[in-house]
Amino acid sequence: MYRITKEFHLSASHQLDHLPADHQCARLHGHNYIVIVELAAESLNDDGFVRDYHDLSPLKRYIDETFDHRHLNDVFGHSKVTSEFLAKHFYDWCKQRFPETSSVRVSETPKTWAEYRP
């Protein structure tokens, strides 16, 4: 199996209103998110790629225009915007456009991340 990954960055805020008031994530806060998309294929295409990295440019535009420097609760219309939720959201978006998508990882901090891999 061949695998490639590409990393994207965004800064955004969120607030997990459903948590107890004394939980640090219940307060308005932000992260410098890292989104890592993995694509996989059993064989390479005629150009020798799983997929050309340039083909992922629409994802960068989507992230920059929709999420970067935004309040994620407003973007999604709810307050359960966790890293797990974002990983699944970006996986679904990518899978529709790039069938080779095999997983998406969303990191909130250098030491924490969530991954969606069906």
PDB file of N, CA and C in Angstrom:
ATOM      1  N   MET A   1       0.849  -1.176   0.000  1.00  0.00           N
ATOM      2  CA  MET A   1       0.000   0.000   0.000  1.00  0.00           C
ATOM      3  C   MET A   1       0.894   1.239   0.000  1.00  0.00           C
ATOM      4  N   TYR A   2       0.608   2.149  -0.888  1.00  0.00           N
ATOM      5  CA  TYR A   2       1.300   3.438  -0.921  1.00  0.00           C
ATOM      6  C   TYR A   2       0.483   4.442  -0.128  1.00  0.00           C
ATOM      7  N   ARG A   3       1.162   5.297   0.620  1.00  0.00           N
ATOM      8  CA  ARG A   3       0.481   6.324   1.407  1.00  0.00           C
ATOM      9  C   ARG A   3       1.208   7.654   1.247  1.00  0.00           C
ATOM     10  N   ILE A   4       0.435   8.718   1.116  1.00  0.00           N
ATOM     11  CA  ILE A   4       0.989  10.061   1.138  1.00  0.00           C
ATOM     12  C   ILE A   4       0.199  10.888   2.146  1.00  0.00           C
ATOM     13  N   THR A   5       0.823  11.914   2.674  1.00  0.00           N
ATOM     14  CA  THR A   5       0.132  12.815   3.579  1.00  0.00           C
ATOM     15  C   THR A   5       0.454  14.252   3.199  1.00  0.00           C
ATOM     16  N   LYS A   6      -0.457  15.117   3.542  1.00  0.00           N
ATOM     17  CA  LYS A   6      -0.245  16.551   3.374  1.00  0.00           C
ATOM     18  C   LYS A   6      -0.812  17.246   4.593  1.00  0.00           C
ATOM     19  N   GLU A   7      -0.095  18.271   5.049  1.00  0.00           N
ATOM     20  CA  GLU A   7      -0.433  18.981   6.270  1.00  0.00           C
ATOM     21  C   GLU A   7      -0.960  20.368   5.936  1.00  0.00           C
ATOM     22  N   PHE A   8      -1.994  20.771   6.667  1.00  0.00           N
ATOM     23  CA  PHE A   8      -2.617  22.086   6.509  1.00  0.00           C
ATOM     24  C   PHE A   8      -2.720  22.723   7.888  1.00  0.00           C
ATOM     25  N   HIS A   9      -2.683  24.065   7.932  1.00  0.00           N
ATOM     26  CA  HIS A   9      -2.724  24.780   9.205  1.00  0.00           C
ATOM     27  C   HIS A   9      -3.873  25.775   9.221  1.00  0.00           C
ATOM     28  N   LEU A  10      -4.452  25.957  10.400  1.00  0.00           N
ATOM     29  CA  LEU A  10      -5.448  26.994  10.591  1.00  0.00           C
ATOM     30  C   LEU A  10      -5.470  27.397  12.063  1.00  0.00           C
ATOM     31  N   SER A  11      -5.886  28.602  12.303  1.00  0.00           N
ATOM     32  CA  SER A  11      -6.073  29.097  13.666  1.00  0.00           C
ATOM     33  C   SER A  11      -7.550  29.421  13.833  1.00  0.00           C
ATOM     34  N   ALA A  12      -8.137  28.922  14.907  1.00  0.00           N
ATOM     35  CA  ALA A  12      -9.567  29.137  15.112  1.00  0.00           C
ATOM     36  C   ALA A  12      -9.893  28.984  16.593  1.00  0.00           C
ATOM     37  N   SER A  13     -11.039  29.532  16.968  1.00  0.00           N
ATOM     38  CA  SER A  13     -11.506  29.411  18.348  1.00  0.00           C
ATOM     39  C   SER A  13     -12.710  28.476  18.406  1.00  0.00           C
ATOM     40  N   HIS A  14     -12.969  28.005  19.607  1.00  0.00           N
ATOM     41  CA  HIS A  14     -14.201  27.256  19.872  1.00  0.00           C
ATOM     42  C   HIS A  14     -14.457  27.270  21.364  1.00  0.00           C
ATOM     43  N   GLN A  15     -15.635  26.821  21.738  1.00  0.00           N
ATOM     44  CA  GLN A  15     -16.031  26.744  23.131  1.00  0.00           C
ATOM     45  C   GLN A  15     -16.960  25.555  23.256  1.00  0.00           C
ATOM     46  N   LEU A  16     -16.646  24.657  24.166  1.00  0.00           N
ATOM     47  CA  LEU A  16     -17.454  23.454  24.354  1.00  0.00           C
ATOM     48  C   LEU A  16     -18.451  23.703  25.486  1.00  0.00           C
ATOM     49  N   ASP A  17     -19.568  24.335  25.124  1.00  0.00           N
ATOM     50  CA  ASP A  17     -20.580  24.776  26.089  1.00  0.00           C
ATOM     51  C   ASP A  17     -21.206  23.650  26.892  1.00  0.00           C
ATOM     52  N   HIS A  18     -21.168  22.445  26.377  1.00  0.00           N
ATOM     53  CA  HIS A  18     -21.842  21.332  27.042  1.00  0.00           C
ATOM     54  C   HIS A  18     -21.025  20.740  28.194  1.00  0.00           C
ATOM     55  N   LEU A  19     -19.801  21.227  28.383  1.00  0.00           N
ATOM     56  CA  LEU A  19     -18.958  20.720  29.472  1.00  0.00           C
ATOM     57  C   LEU A  19     -19.214  21.505  30.753  1.00  0.00           C
ATOM     58  N   PRO A  20     -18.849  20.948  31.901  1.00  0.00           N
ATOM     59  CA  PRO A  20     -19.017  21.685  33.165  1.00  0.00           C
ATOM     60  C   PRO A  20     -18.287  23.035  33.107  1.00  0.00           C
ATOM     61  N   ALA A  21     -18.828  24.018  33.781  1.00  0.00           N
ATOM     62  CA  ALA A  21     -18.292  25.380  33.723  1.00  0.00           C
ATOM     63  C   ALA A  21     -16.832  25.460  34.158  1.00  0.00           C
ATOM     64  N   ASP A  22     -16.392  24.566  35.043  1.00  0.00           N
ATOM     65  CA  ASP A  22     -15.007  24.623  35.504  1.00  0.00           C
ATOM     66  C   ASP A  22     -14.030  23.879  34.578  1.00  0.00           C
ATOM     67  N   HIS A  23     -14.526  23.270  33.519  1.00  0.00           N
ATOM     68  CA  HIS A  23     -13.655  22.589  32.550  1.00  0.00           C
ATOM     69  C   HIS A  23     -13.002  23.645  31.665  1.00  0.00           C
ATOM     70  N   GLN A  24     -11.688  23.530  31.450  1.00  0.00           N
ATOM     71  CA  GLN A  24     -10.977  24.562  30.684  1.00  0.00           C
ATOM     72  C   GLN A  24     -11.511  24.711  29.262  1.00  0.00           C
ATOM     73  N   CYS A  25     -12.040  23.669  28.681  1.00  0.00           N
ATOM     74  CA  CYS A  25     -12.550  23.760  27.306  1.00  0.00           C
ATOM     75  C   CYS A  25     -13.947  24.377  27.236  1.00  0.00           C
ATOM     76  N   ALA A  26     -14.572  24.580  28.399  1.00  0.00           N
ATOM     77  CA  ALA A  26     -15.877  25.246  28.417  1.00  0.00           C
ATOM     78  C   ALA A  26     -15.725  26.746  28.193  1.00  0.00           C
ATOM     79  N   ARG A  27     -14.516  27.245  28.433  1.00  0.00           N
ATOM     80  CA  ARG A  27     -14.243  28.668  28.190  1.00  0.00           C
ATOM     81  C   ARG A  27     -13.878  28.871  26.724  1.00  0.00           C
ATOM     82  N   LEU A  28     -14.149  30.050  26.223  1.00  0.00           N
ATOM     83  CA  LEU A  28     -13.740  30.418  24.869  1.00  0.00           C
ATOM     84  C   LEU A  28     -12.218  30.336  24.784  1.00  0.00           C
ATOM     85  N   HIS A  29     -11.718  29.614  23.795  1.00  0.00           N
ATOM     86  CA  HIS A  29     -10.276  29.463  23.615  1.00  0.00           C
ATOM     87  C   HIS A  29      -9.992  29.123  22.157  1.00  0.00           C
ATOM     88  N   GLY A  30      -8.730  29.163  21.795  1.00  0.00           N
ATOM     89  CA  GLY A  30      -8.368  28.885  20.409  1.00  0.00           C
ATOM     90  C   GLY A  30      -7.203  27.921  20.301  1.00  0.00           C
ATOM     91  N   HIS A  31      -7.009  27.454  19.094  1.00  0.00           N
ATOM     92  CA  HIS A  31      -5.922  26.519  18.797  1.00  0.00           C
ATOM     93  C   HIS A  31      -5.291  26.896  17.462  1.00  0.00           C
ATOM     94  N   ASN A  32      -4.052  26.518  17.321  1.00  0.00           N
ATOM     95  CA  ASN A  32      -3.396  26.515  16.022  1.00  0.00           C
ATOM     96  C   ASN A  32      -3.469  25.067  15.543  1.00  0.00           C
ATOM     97  N   TYR A  33      -4.534  24.776  14.822  1.00  0.00           N
ATOM     98  CA  TYR A  33      -4.814  23.409  14.383  1.00  0.00           C
ATOM     99  C   TYR A  33      -3.877  22.982  13.261  1.00  0.00           C
ATOM    100  N   ILE A  34      -3.574  21.707  13.257  1.00  0.00           N
ATOM    101  CA  ILE A  34      -2.883  21.080  12.136  1.00  0.00           C
ATOM    102  C   ILE A  34      -3.788  19.959  11.643  1.00  0.00           C
ATOM    103  N   VAL A  35      -4.089  19.983  10.360  1.00  0.00           N
ATOM    104  CA  VAL A  35      -4.923  18.963   9.724  1.00  0.00           C
ATOM    105  C   VAL A  35      -4.012  18.170   8.791  1.00  0.00           C
ATOM    106  N   ILE A  36      -3.929  16.871   9.006  1.00  0.00           N
ATOM    107  CA  ILE A  36      -3.093  16.010   8.176  1.00  0.00           C
ATOM    108  C   ILE A  36      -4.000  15.020   7.454  1.00  0.00           C
ATOM    109  N   VAL A  37      -3.959  15.084   6.140  1.00  0.00           N
ATOM    110  CA  VAL A  37      -4.775  14.219   5.303  1.00  0.00           C
ATOM    111  C   VAL A  37      -3.880  13.118   4.735  1.00  0.00           C
ATOM    112  N   GLU A  38      -4.335  11.885   4.862  1.00  0.00           N
ATOM    113  CA  GLU A  38      -3.599  10.746   4.305  1.00  0.00           C
ATOM    114  C   GLU A  38      -4.396  10.134   3.166  1.00  0.00           C
ATOM    115  N   LEU A  39      -3.717   9.875   2.063  1.00  0.00           N
ATOM    116  CA  LEU A  39      -4.312   9.194   0.918  1.00  0.00           C
ATOM    117  C   LEU A  39      -3.539   7.905   0.690  1.00  0.00           C
ATOM    118  N   ALA A  40      -4.229   6.862   0.272  1.00  0.00           N
ATOM    119  CA  ALA A  40      -3.595   5.565   0.092  1.00  0.00           C
ATOM    120  C   ALA A  40      -4.092   4.910  -1.187  1.00  0.00           C
ATOM    121  N   ALA A  41      -3.215   4.117  -1.793  1.00  0.00           N
ATOM    122  CA  ALA A  41      -3.579   3.379  -3.003  1.00  0.00           C
ATOM    123  C   ALA A  41      -2.728   2.117  -3.096  1.00  0.00           C
ATOM    124  N   GLU A  42      -3.315   1.103  -3.668  1.00  0.00           N
ATOM    125  CA  GLU A  42      -2.598  -0.155  -3.887  1.00  0.00           C
ATOM    126  C   GLU A  42      -1.530  -0.010  -4.969  1.00  0.00           C
ATOM    127  N   SER A  43      -1.797   0.868  -5.925  1.00  0.00           N
ATOM    128  CA  SER A  43      -0.835   1.075  -7.007  1.00  0.00           C
ATOM    129  C   SER A  43      -0.753   2.564  -7.327  1.00  0.00           C
ATOM    130  N   LEU A  44       0.271   2.931  -8.057  1.00  0.00           N
ATOM    131  CA  LEU A  44       0.480   4.324  -8.428  1.00  0.00           C
ATOM    132  C   LEU A  44      -0.200   4.616  -9.762  1.00  0.00           C
ATOM    133  N   ASN A  45      -0.570   5.873  -9.947  1.00  0.00           N
ATOM    134  CA  ASN A  45      -1.186   6.250 -11.228  1.00  0.00           C
ATOM    135  C   ASN A  45      -0.108   6.341 -12.319  1.00  0.00           C
ATOM    136  N   ASP A  46      -0.498   6.717 -13.512  1.00  0.00           N
ATOM    137  CA  ASP A  46       0.429   6.746 -14.643  1.00  0.00           C
ATOM    138  C   ASP A  46       1.593   7.715 -14.449  1.00  0.00           C
ATOM    139  N   ASP A  47       1.404   8.710 -13.582  1.00  0.00           N
ATOM    140  CA  ASP A  47       2.473   9.670 -13.303  1.00  0.00           C
ATOM    141  C   ASP A  47       3.369   9.224 -12.155  1.00  0.00           C
ATOM    142  N   GLY A  48       3.062   8.085 -11.547  1.00  0.00           N
ATOM    143  CA  GLY A  48       3.865   7.578 -10.448  1.00  0.00           C
ATOM    144  C   GLY A  48       3.453   8.102  -9.085  1.00  0.00           C
ATOM    145  N   PHE A  49       2.234   8.635  -8.984  1.00  0.00           N
ATOM    146  CA  PHE A  49       1.726   9.197  -7.739  1.00  0.00           C
ATOM    147  C   PHE A  49       0.569   8.369  -7.185  1.00  0.00           C
ATOM    148  N   VAL A  50       0.356   8.458  -5.872  1.00  0.00           N
ATOM    149  CA  VAL A  50      -0.942   8.094  -5.315  1.00  0.00           C
ATOM    150  C   VAL A  50      -1.928   9.143  -5.819  1.00  0.00           C
ATOM    151  N   ARG A  51      -1.547  10.401  -5.655  1.00  0.00           N
ATOM    152  CA  ARG A  51      -2.258  11.561  -6.200  1.00  0.00           C
ATOM    153  C   ARG A  51      -1.267  12.711  -6.142  1.00  0.00           C
ATOM    154  N   ASP A  52      -1.313  13.583  -7.119  1.00  0.00           N
ATOM    155  CA  ASP A  52      -0.451  14.759  -7.130  1.00  0.00           C
ATOM    156  C   ASP A  52      -0.832  15.653  -5.948  1.00  0.00           C
ATOM    157  N   TYR A  53       0.145  16.059  -5.152  1.00  0.00           N
ATOM    158  CA  TYR A  53      -0.134  16.929  -4.003  1.00  0.00           C
ATOM    159  C   TYR A  53      -0.871  18.202  -4.423  1.00  0.00           C
ATOM    160  N   HIS A  54      -0.579  18.683  -5.584  1.00  0.00           N
ATOM    161  CA  HIS A  54      -1.240  19.902  -6.077  1.00  0.00           C
ATOM    162  C   HIS A  54      -2.760  19.715  -6.175  1.00  0.00           C
ATOM    163  N   ASP A  55      -3.206  18.493  -6.406  1.00  0.00           N
ATOM    164  CA  ASP A  55      -4.649  18.224  -6.483  1.00  0.00           C
ATOM    165  C   ASP A  55      -5.369  18.564  -5.180  1.00  0.00           C
ATOM    166  N   LEU A  56      -4.623  18.658  -4.076  1.00  0.00           N
ATOM    167  CA  LEU A  56      -5.236  18.943  -2.777  1.00  0.00           C
ATOM    168  C   LEU A  56      -5.405  20.441  -2.529  1.00  0.00           C
ATOM    169  N   SER A  57      -5.075  21.268  -3.492  1.00  0.00           N
ATOM    170  CA  SER A  57      -5.223  22.722  -3.346  1.00  0.00           C
ATOM    171  C   SER A  57      -6.641  23.153  -2.969  1.00  0.00           C
ATOM    172  N   PRO A  58      -7.690  22.509  -3.482  1.00  0.00           N
ATOM    173  CA  PRO A  58      -9.044  22.906  -3.055  1.00  0.00           C
ATOM    174  C   PRO A  58      -9.256  22.759  -1.541  1.00  0.00           C
ATOM    175  N   LEU A  59      -8.606  21.795  -0.916  1.00  0.00           N
ATOM    176  CA  LEU A  59      -8.734  21.641   0.532  1.00  0.00           C
ATOM    177  C   LEU A  59      -8.099  22.838   1.239  1.00  0.00           C
ATOM    178  N   LYS A  60      -6.966  23.280   0.771  1.00  0.00           N
ATOM    179  CA  LYS A  60      -6.335  24.463   1.371  1.00  0.00           C
ATOM    180  C   LYS A  60      -7.254  25.678   1.254  1.00  0.00           C
ATOM    181  N   ARG A  61      -7.837  25.877   0.093  1.00  0.00           N
ATOM    182  CA  ARG A  61      -8.767  27.000  -0.083  1.00  0.00           C
ATOM    183  C   ARG A  61      -9.968  26.871   0.855  1.00  0.00           C
ATOM    184  N   TYR A  62     -10.526  25.663   0.944  1.00  0.00           N
ATOM    185  CA  TYR A  62     -11.677  25.421   1.819  1.00  0.00           C
ATOM    186  C   TYR A  62     -11.326  25.749   3.271  1.00  0.00           C
ATOM    187  N   ILE A  63     -10.192  25.280   3.734  1.00  0.00           N
ATOM    188  CA  ILE A  63      -9.760  25.540   5.107  1.00  0.00           C
ATOM    189  C   ILE A  63      -9.546  27.030   5.324  1.00  0.00           C
ATOM    190  N   ASP A  64      -8.818  27.668   4.415  1.00  0.00           N
ATOM    191  CA  ASP A  64      -8.505  29.093   4.571  1.00  0.00           C
ATOM    192  C   ASP A  64      -9.758  29.958   4.541  1.00  0.00           C
ATOM    193  N   GLU A  65     -10.658  29.679   3.620  1.00  0.00           N
ATOM    194  CA  GLU A  65     -11.836  30.527   3.446  1.00  0.00           C
ATOM    195  C   GLU A  65     -12.940  30.253   4.469  1.00  0.00           C
ATOM    196  N   THR A  66     -13.038  29.020   4.945  1.00  0.00           N
ATOM    197  CA  THR A  66     -14.163  28.641   5.802  1.00  0.00           C
ATOM    198  C   THR A  66     -13.821  28.605   7.288  1.00  0.00           C
ATOM    199  N   PHE A  67     -12.589  28.241   7.634  1.00  0.00           N
ATOM    200  CA  PHE A  67     -12.255  27.961   9.027  1.00  0.00           C
ATOM    201  C   PHE A  67     -11.181  28.848   9.637  1.00  0.00           C
ATOM    202  N   ASP A  68     -10.218  29.280   8.852  1.00  0.00           N
ATOM    203  CA  ASP A  68      -9.083  29.996   9.418  1.00  0.00           C
ATOM    204  C   ASP A  68      -9.514  31.334  10.011  1.00  0.00           C
ATOM    205  N   HIS A  69      -9.096  31.571  11.253  1.00  0.00           N
ATOM    206  CA  HIS A  69      -9.427  32.784  12.010  1.00  0.00           C
ATOM    207  C   HIS A  69     -10.941  32.984  12.139  1.00  0.00           C
ATOM    208  N   ARG A  70     -11.629  31.882  12.412  1.00  0.00           N
ATOM    209  CA  ARG A  70     -13.082  31.897  12.638  1.00  0.00           C
ATOM    210  C   ARG A  70     -13.379  31.267  13.994  1.00  0.00           C
ATOM    211  N   HIS A  71     -14.601  31.500  14.444  1.00  0.00           N
ATOM    212  CA  HIS A  71     -15.100  30.833  15.645  1.00  0.00           C
ATOM    213  C   HIS A  71     -15.869  29.603  15.160  1.00  0.00           C
ATOM    214  N   LEU A  72     -15.348  28.425  15.435  1.00  0.00           N
ATOM    215  CA  LEU A  72     -15.890  27.186  14.863  1.00  0.00           C
ATOM    216  C   LEU A  72     -17.321  26.909  15.295  1.00  0.00           C
ATOM    217  N   ASN A  73     -17.716  27.346  16.481  1.00  0.00           N
ATOM    218  CA  ASN A  73     -19.113  27.177  16.897  1.00  0.00           C
ATOM    219  C   ASN A  73     -20.046  27.879  15.912  1.00  0.00           C
ATOM    220  N   ASP A  74     -19.646  29.071  15.452  1.00  0.00           N
ATOM    221  CA  ASP A  74     -20.452  29.810  14.482  1.00  0.00           C
ATOM    222  C   ASP A  74     -20.442  29.124  13.115  1.00  0.00           C
ATOM    223  N   VAL A  75     -19.298  28.611  12.717  1.00  0.00           N
ATOM    224  CA  VAL A  75     -19.191  27.953  11.409  1.00  0.00           C
ATOM    225  C   VAL A  75     -20.130  26.754  11.341  1.00  0.00           C
ATOM    226  N   PHE A  76     -20.151  25.944  12.406  1.00  0.00           N
ATOM    227  CA  PHE A  76     -20.945  24.715  12.387  1.00  0.00           C
ATOM    228  C   PHE A  76     -22.329  24.866  13.015  1.00  0.00           C
ATOM    229  N   GLY A  77     -22.560  25.929  13.765  1.00  0.00           N
ATOM    230  CA  GLY A  77     -23.870  26.142  14.370  1.00  0.00           C
ATOM    231  C   GLY A  77     -24.132  25.310  15.604  1.00  0.00           C
ATOM    232  N   HIS A  78     -23.082  24.793  16.237  1.00  0.00           N
ATOM    233  CA  HIS A  78     -23.226  24.065  17.501  1.00  0.00           C
ATOM    234  C   HIS A  78     -21.921  24.149  18.274  1.00  0.00           C
ATOM    235  N   SER A  79     -21.934  23.653  19.503  1.00  0.00           N
ATOM    236  CA  SER A  79     -20.761  23.800  20.359  1.00  0.00           C
ATOM    237  C   SER A  79     -19.992  22.500  20.586  1.00  0.00           C
ATOM    238  N   LYS A  80     -20.283  21.470  19.835  1.00  0.00           N
ATOM    239  CA  LYS A  80     -19.547  20.210  20.004  1.00  0.00           C
ATOM    240  C   LYS A  80     -18.477  20.054  18.925  1.00  0.00           C
ATOM    241  N   VAL A  81     -17.780  21.151  18.671  1.00  0.00           N
ATOM    242  CA  VAL A  81     -16.739  21.175  17.646  1.00  0.00           C
ATOM    243  C   VAL A  81     -15.427  20.718  18.286  1.00  0.00           C
ATOM    244  N   THR A  82     -15.287  19.410  18.414  1.00  0.00           N
ATOM    245  CA  THR A  82     -14.094  18.794  18.988  1.00  0.00           C
ATOM    246  C   THR A  82     -13.126  18.414  17.867  1.00  0.00           C
ATOM    247  N   SER A  83     -11.930  18.029  18.231  1.00  0.00           N
ATOM    248  CA  SER A  83     -10.970  17.550  17.227  1.00  0.00           C
ATOM    249  C   SER A  83     -11.507  16.306  16.521  1.00  0.00           C
ATOM    250  N   GLU A  84     -12.207  15.461  17.276  1.00  0.00           N
ATOM    251  CA  GLU A  84     -12.792  14.264  16.680  1.00  0.00           C
ATOM    252  C   GLU A  84     -13.824  14.648  15.619  1.00  0.00           C
ATOM    253  N   PHE A  85     -14.661  15.618  15.959  1.00  0.00           N
ATOM    254  CA  PHE A  85     -15.670  16.093  15.016  1.00  0.00           C
ATOM    255  C   PHE A  85     -15.005  16.663  13.770  1.00  0.00           C
ATOM    256  N   LEU A  86     -13.973  17.479  13.955  1.00  0.00           N
ATOM    257  CA  LEU A  86     -13.284  18.081  12.807  1.00  0.00           C
ATOM    258  C   LEU A  86     -12.615  17.023  11.935  1.00  0.00           C
ATOM    259  N   ALA A  87     -12.005  16.021  12.552  1.00  0.00           N
ATOM    260  CA  ALA A  87     -11.356  14.965  11.772  1.00  0.00           C
ATOM    261  C   ALA A  87     -12.367  14.259  10.866  1.00  0.00           C
ATOM    262  N   LYS A  88     -13.526  13.948  11.394  1.00  0.00           N
ATOM    263  CA  LYS A  88     -14.567  13.294  10.589  1.00  0.00           C
ATOM    264  C   LYS A  88     -15.093  14.240   9.507  1.00  0.00           C
ATOM    265  N   HIS A  89     -15.284  15.505   9.863  1.00  0.00           N
ATOM    266  CA  HIS A  89     -15.765  16.481   8.889  1.00  0.00           C
ATOM    267  C   HIS A  89     -14.793  16.592   7.708  1.00  0.00           C
ATOM    268  N   PHE A  90     -13.513  16.762   7.999  1.00  0.00           N
ATOM    269  CA  PHE A  90     -12.536  16.893   6.918  1.00  0.00           C
ATOM    270  C   PHE A  90     -12.373  15.586   6.142  1.00  0.00           C
ATOM    271  N   TYR A  91     -12.490  14.448   6.828  1.00  0.00           N
ATOM    272  CA  TYR A  91     -12.445  13.160   6.128  1.00  0.00           C
ATOM    273  C   TYR A  91     -13.590  13.083   5.100  1.00  0.00           C
ATOM    274  N   ASP A  92     -14.798  13.375   5.532  1.00  0.00           N
ATOM    275  CA  ASP A  92     -15.947  13.295   4.624  1.00  0.00           C
ATOM    276  C   ASP A  92     -15.789  14.247   3.443  1.00  0.00           C
ATOM    277  N   TRP A  93     -15.327  15.466   3.698  1.00  0.00           N
ATOM    278  CA  TRP A  93     -15.119  16.458   2.635  1.00  0.00           C
ATOM    279  C   TRP A  93     -14.086  15.937   1.639  1.00  0.00           C
ATOM    280  N   CYS A  94     -12.994  15.412   2.162  1.00  0.00           N
ATOM    281  CA  CYS A  94     -11.925  14.919   1.282  1.00  0.00           C
ATOM    282  C   CYS A  94     -12.351  13.666   0.517  1.00  0.00           C
ATOM    283  N   LYS A  95     -13.010  12.759   1.177  1.00  0.00           N
ATOM    284  CA  LYS A  95     -13.388  11.482   0.546  1.00  0.00           C
ATOM    285  C   LYS A  95     -14.282  11.708  -0.666  1.00  0.00           C
ATOM    286  N   GLN A  96     -15.147  12.731  -0.614  1.00  0.00           N
ATOM    287  CA  GLN A  96     -16.008  13.047  -1.757  1.00  0.00           C
ATOM    288  C   GLN A  96     -15.191  13.509  -2.957  1.00  0.00           C
ATOM    289  N   ARG A  97     -14.076  14.167  -2.706  1.00  0.00           N
ATOM    290  CA  ARG A  97     -13.269  14.755  -3.778  1.00  0.00           C
ATOM    291  C   ARG A  97     -12.043  13.920  -4.141  1.00  0.00           C
ATOM    292  N   PHE A  98     -11.524  13.206  -3.159  1.00  0.00           N
ATOM    293  CA  PHE A  98     -10.317  12.404  -3.340  1.00  0.00           C
ATOM    294  C   PHE A  98     -10.593  10.995  -2.814  1.00  0.00           C
ATOM    295  N   PRO A  99     -11.031  10.091  -3.666  1.00  0.00           N
ATOM    296  CA  PRO A  99     -11.422   8.753  -3.201  1.00  0.00           C
ATOM    297  C   PRO A  99     -10.314   7.995  -2.475  1.00  0.00           C
ATOM    298  N   GLU A 100      -9.076   8.389  -2.685  1.00  0.00           N
ATOM    299  CA  GLU A 100      -7.950   7.711  -2.036  1.00  0.00           C
ATOM    300  C   GLU A 100      -7.795   8.097  -0.566  1.00  0.00           C
ATOM    301  N   THR A 101      -8.596   9.032  -0.082  1.00  0.00           N
ATOM    302  CA  THR A 101      -8.488   9.473   1.315  1.00  0.00           C
ATOM    303  C   THR A 101      -8.659   8.283   2.248  1.00  0.00           C
ATOM    304  N   SER A 102      -7.682   8.090   3.134  1.00  0.00           N
ATOM    305  CA  SER A 102      -7.756   6.956   4.061  1.00  0.00           C
ATOM    306  C   SER A 102      -7.881   7.394   5.520  1.00  0.00           C
ATOM    307  N   SER A 103      -7.427   8.606   5.848  1.00  0.00           N
ATOM    308  CA  SER A 103      -7.590   9.103   7.208  1.00  0.00           C
ATOM    309  C   SER A 103      -7.329  10.601   7.251  1.00  0.00           C
ATOM    310  N   VAL A 104      -7.833  11.208   8.318  1.00  0.00           N
ATOM    311  CA  VAL A 104      -7.552  12.617   8.595  1.00  0.00           C
ATOM    312  C   VAL A 104      -7.249  12.727  10.077  1.00  0.00           C
ATOM    313  N   ARG A 105      -6.167  13.431  10.368  1.00  0.00           N
ATOM    314  CA  ARG A 105      -5.764  13.706  11.752  1.00  0.00           C
ATOM    315  C   ARG A 105      -5.862  15.202  11.997  1.00  0.00           C
ATOM    316  N   VAL A 106      -6.441  15.573  13.134  1.00  0.00           N
ATOM    317  CA  VAL A 106      -6.541  16.980  13.528  1.00  0.00           C
ATOM    318  C   VAL A 106      -5.854  17.131  14.875  1.00  0.00           C
ATOM    319  N   SER A 107      -4.869  18.002  14.904  1.00  0.00           N
ATOM    320  CA  SER A 107      -4.106  18.252  16.117  1.00  0.00           C
ATOM    321  C   SER A 107      -4.459  19.628  16.667  1.00  0.00           C
ATOM    322  N   GLU A 108      -4.780  19.680  17.957  1.00  0.00           N
ATOM    323  CA  GLU A 108      -5.032  20.956  18.632  1.00  0.00           C
ATOM    324  C   GLU A 108      -3.756  21.523  19.224  1.00  0.00           C
ATOM    325  N   THR A 109      -2.898  20.654  19.686  1.00  0.00           N
ATOM    326  CA  THR A 109      -1.627  21.040  20.294  1.00  0.00           C
ATOM    327  C   THR A 109      -0.565  20.073  19.781  1.00  0.00           C
ATOM    328  N   PRO A 110       0.707  20.380  20.012  1.00  0.00           N
ATOM    329  CA  PRO A 110       1.758  19.449  19.568  1.00  0.00           C
ATOM    330  C   PRO A 110       1.667  18.066  20.211  1.00  0.00           C
ATOM    331  N   LYS A 111       0.943  17.948  21.317  1.00  0.00           N
ATOM    332  CA  LYS A 111       0.872  16.672  22.030  1.00  0.00           C
ATOM    333  C   LYS A 111      -0.484  15.986  21.962  1.00  0.00           C
ATOM    334  N   THR A 112      -1.471  16.602  21.293  1.00  0.00           N
ATOM    335  CA  THR A 112      -2.803  16.002  21.245  1.00  0.00           C
ATOM    336  C   THR A 112      -3.357  16.026  19.836  1.00  0.00           C
ATOM    337  N   TRP A 113      -4.021  14.955  19.460  1.00  0.00           N
ATOM    338  CA  TRP A 113      -4.675  14.909  18.168  1.00  0.00           C
ATOM    339  C   TRP A 113      -5.783  13.864  18.189  1.00  0.00           C
ATOM    340  N   ALA A 114      -6.673  14.016  17.223  1.00  0.00           N
ATOM    341  CA  ALA A 114      -7.721  13.035  16.999  1.00  0.00           C
ATOM    342  C   ALA A 114      -7.609  12.600  15.545  1.00  0.00           C
ATOM    343  N   GLU A 115      -7.961  11.372  15.289  1.00  0.00           N
ATOM    344  CA  GLU A 115      -7.856  10.851  13.928  1.00  0.00           C
ATOM    345  C   GLU A 115      -9.132  10.122  13.563  1.00  0.00           C
ATOM    346  N   TYR A 116      -9.584  10.333  12.327  1.00  0.00           N
ATOM    347  CA  TYR A 116     -10.693   9.540  11.814  1.00  0.00           C
ATOM    348  C   TYR A 116     -10.162   8.670  10.693  1.00  0.00           C
ATOM    349  N   ARG A 117     -10.349   7.375  10.877  1.00  0.00           N
ATOM    350  CA  ARG A 117      -9.909   6.374   9.908  1.00  0.00           C
ATOM    351  C   ARG A 117     -10.968   5.273   9.912  1.00  0.00           C
ATOM    352  N   PRO A 118     -11.807   5.227   8.874  1.00  0.00           N
ATOM    353  CA  PRO A 118     -12.854   4.192   8.885  1.00  0.00           C
ATOM    354  C   PRO A 118     -12.299   2.775   8.880  1.00  0.00           C
TER     355      PRO A 118
END
